[in-house]
Amino acid sequence: MPQLDTSTWFTTILSTTLTLFILFQLKISKTMYPLNPNLKTMKMQTHKTPWELKWTKIYSPLSLPLQ
């Protein structure tokens, strides 16, 4: 039964890792990032829900008259 030759694995893994690192560095270096991001002022919008427009009374079971 022949043995698996692993003598080139280190070179293959090292060169693949180095190539991926260089490619990612080149890709990241080409992107343009804003130098000074500005904050946007946001206004809070209020929405009137139907139950805020109407007067509703909630009856608790203890406050109801006895039957």
C-alpha atoms as a PDB file:
ATOM      1  CA  MET A   1       0.000   0.000   0.000  1.00  0.00           C
ATOM      2  CA  PRO A   2       1.652   3.298  -1.063  1.00  0.00           C
ATOM      3  CA  GLN A   3       2.225   6.082   1.426  1.00  0.00           C
ATOM      4  CA  LEU A   4       0.704   9.509   0.973  1.00  0.00           C
ATOM      5  CA  ASP A   5       3.355  12.027   0.021  1.00  0.00           C
ATOM      6  CA  THR A   6       2.851  15.093   2.217  1.00  0.00           C
ATOM      7  CA  SER A   7       6.148  16.810   1.505  1.00  0.00           C
ATOM      8  CA  THR A   8       4.578  19.546  -0.659  1.00  0.00           C
ATOM      9  CA  TRP A   9       1.627  20.308   1.628  1.00  0.00           C
ATOM     10  CA  PHE A  10       3.445  22.948   3.652  1.00  0.00           C
ATOM     11  CA  THR A  11       4.478  24.843   0.512  1.00  0.00           C
ATOM     12  CA  THR A  12       0.990  24.613  -0.960  1.00  0.00           C
ATOM     13  CA  ILE A  13      -0.749  25.814   2.205  1.00  0.00           C
ATOM     14  CA  LEU A  14       1.761  28.595   2.763  1.00  0.00           C
ATOM     15  CA  SER A  15       1.543  29.895  -0.800  1.00  0.00           C
ATOM     16  CA  THR A  16      -2.269  29.734  -0.777  1.00  0.00           C
ATOM     17  CA  THR A  17      -2.441  31.659   2.491  1.00  0.00           C
ATOM     18  CA  LEU A  18       0.004  34.269   1.260  1.00  0.00           C
ATOM     19  CA  THR A  19      -1.863  34.682  -2.028  1.00  0.00           C
ATOM     20  CA  LEU A  20      -5.217  35.106  -0.253  1.00  0.00           C
ATOM     21  CA  PHE A  21      -3.707  37.623   2.145  1.00  0.00           C
ATOM     22  CA  ILE A  22      -2.278  39.704  -0.710  1.00  0.00           C
ATOM     23  CA  LEU A  23      -5.534  39.571  -2.669  1.00  0.00           C
ATOM     24  CA  PHE A  24      -7.581  40.703   0.310  1.00  0.00           C
ATOM     25  CA  GLN A  25      -5.132  43.494   1.064  1.00  0.00           C
ATOM     26  CA  LEU A  26      -5.358  44.736  -2.510  1.00  0.00           C
ATOM     27  CA  LYS A  27      -9.141  44.572  -2.460  1.00  0.00           C
ATOM     28  CA  ILE A  28      -9.379  46.456   0.837  1.00  0.00           C
ATOM     29  CA  SER A  29      -6.856  49.093  -0.241  1.00  0.00           C
ATOM     30  CA  LYS A  30      -8.943  49.966  -3.332  1.00  0.00           C
ATOM     31  CA  THR A  31     -12.088  50.824  -1.383  1.00  0.00           C
ATOM     32  CA  MET A  32     -12.742  54.466  -0.602  1.00  0.00           C
ATOM     33  CA  TYR A  33     -13.767  55.235   2.971  1.00  0.00           C
ATOM     34  CA  PRO A  34     -15.227  58.599   4.004  1.00  0.00           C
ATOM     35  CA  LEU A  35     -12.709  60.658   5.927  1.00  0.00           C
ATOM     36  CA  ASN A  36     -15.106  62.346   8.300  1.00  0.00           C
ATOM     37  CA  PRO A  37     -18.593  60.858   8.539  1.00  0.00           C
ATOM     38  CA  ASN A  38     -21.259  63.363   9.509  1.00  0.00           C
ATOM     39  CA  LEU A  39     -24.103  62.657  11.871  1.00  0.00           C
ATOM     40  CA  LYS A  40     -27.618  63.025  10.549  1.00  0.00           C
ATOM     41  CA  THR A  41     -30.247  64.619  12.704  1.00  0.00           C
ATOM     42  CA  MET A  42     -33.333  62.494  12.915  1.00  0.00           C
ATOM     43  CA  LYS A  43     -36.751  63.846  13.831  1.00  0.00           C
ATOM     44  CA  MET A  44     -38.988  61.589  15.807  1.00  0.00           C
ATOM     45  CA  GLN A  45     -42.263  61.114  14.008  1.00  0.00           C
ATOM     46  CA  THR A  46     -45.327  60.691  16.158  1.00  0.00           C
ATOM     47  CA  HIS A  47     -48.159  58.621  14.820  1.00  0.00           C
ATOM     48  CA  LYS A  48     -51.609  58.810  16.298  1.00  0.00           C
ATOM     49  CA  THR A  49     -53.026  55.382  16.835  1.00  0.00           C
ATOM     50  CA  PRO A  50     -56.795  54.835  16.842  1.00  0.00           C
ATOM     51  CA  TRP A  51     -56.903  54.173  20.572  1.00  0.00           C
ATOM     52  CA  GLU A  52     -55.138  57.451  21.312  1.00  0.00           C
ATOM     53  CA  LEU A  53     -57.773  59.408  19.398  1.00  0.00           C
ATOM     54  CA  LYS A  54     -60.730  57.802  21.187  1.00  0.00           C
ATOM     55  CA  TRP A  55     -61.522  57.673  24.867  1.00  0.00           C
ATOM     56  CA  THR A  56     -61.778  54.076  25.944  1.00  0.00           C
ATOM     57  CA  LYS A  57     -62.540  52.722  29.346  1.00  0.00           C
ATOM     58  CA  ILE A  58     -61.099  49.425  30.473  1.00  0.00           C
ATOM     59  CA  TYR A  59     -63.218  47.561  32.978  1.00  0.00           C
ATOM     60  CA  SER A  60     -61.429  45.504  35.532  1.00  0.00           C
ATOM     61  CA  PRO A  61     -63.319  42.325  36.553  1.00  0.00           C
ATOM     62  CA  LEU A  62     -63.190  43.404  40.200  1.00  0.00           C
ATOM     63  CA  SER A  63     -64.843  46.749  39.543  1.00  0.00           C
ATOM     64  CA  LEU A  64     -67.852  45.247  37.757  1.00  0.00           C
ATOM     65  CA  PRO A  65     -71.071  44.967  39.743  1.00  0.00           C
ATOM     66  CA  LEU A  66     -71.811  41.611  41.319  1.00  0.00           C
ATOM     67  CA  GLN A  67     -74.238  39.430  39.489  1.00  0.00           C
END
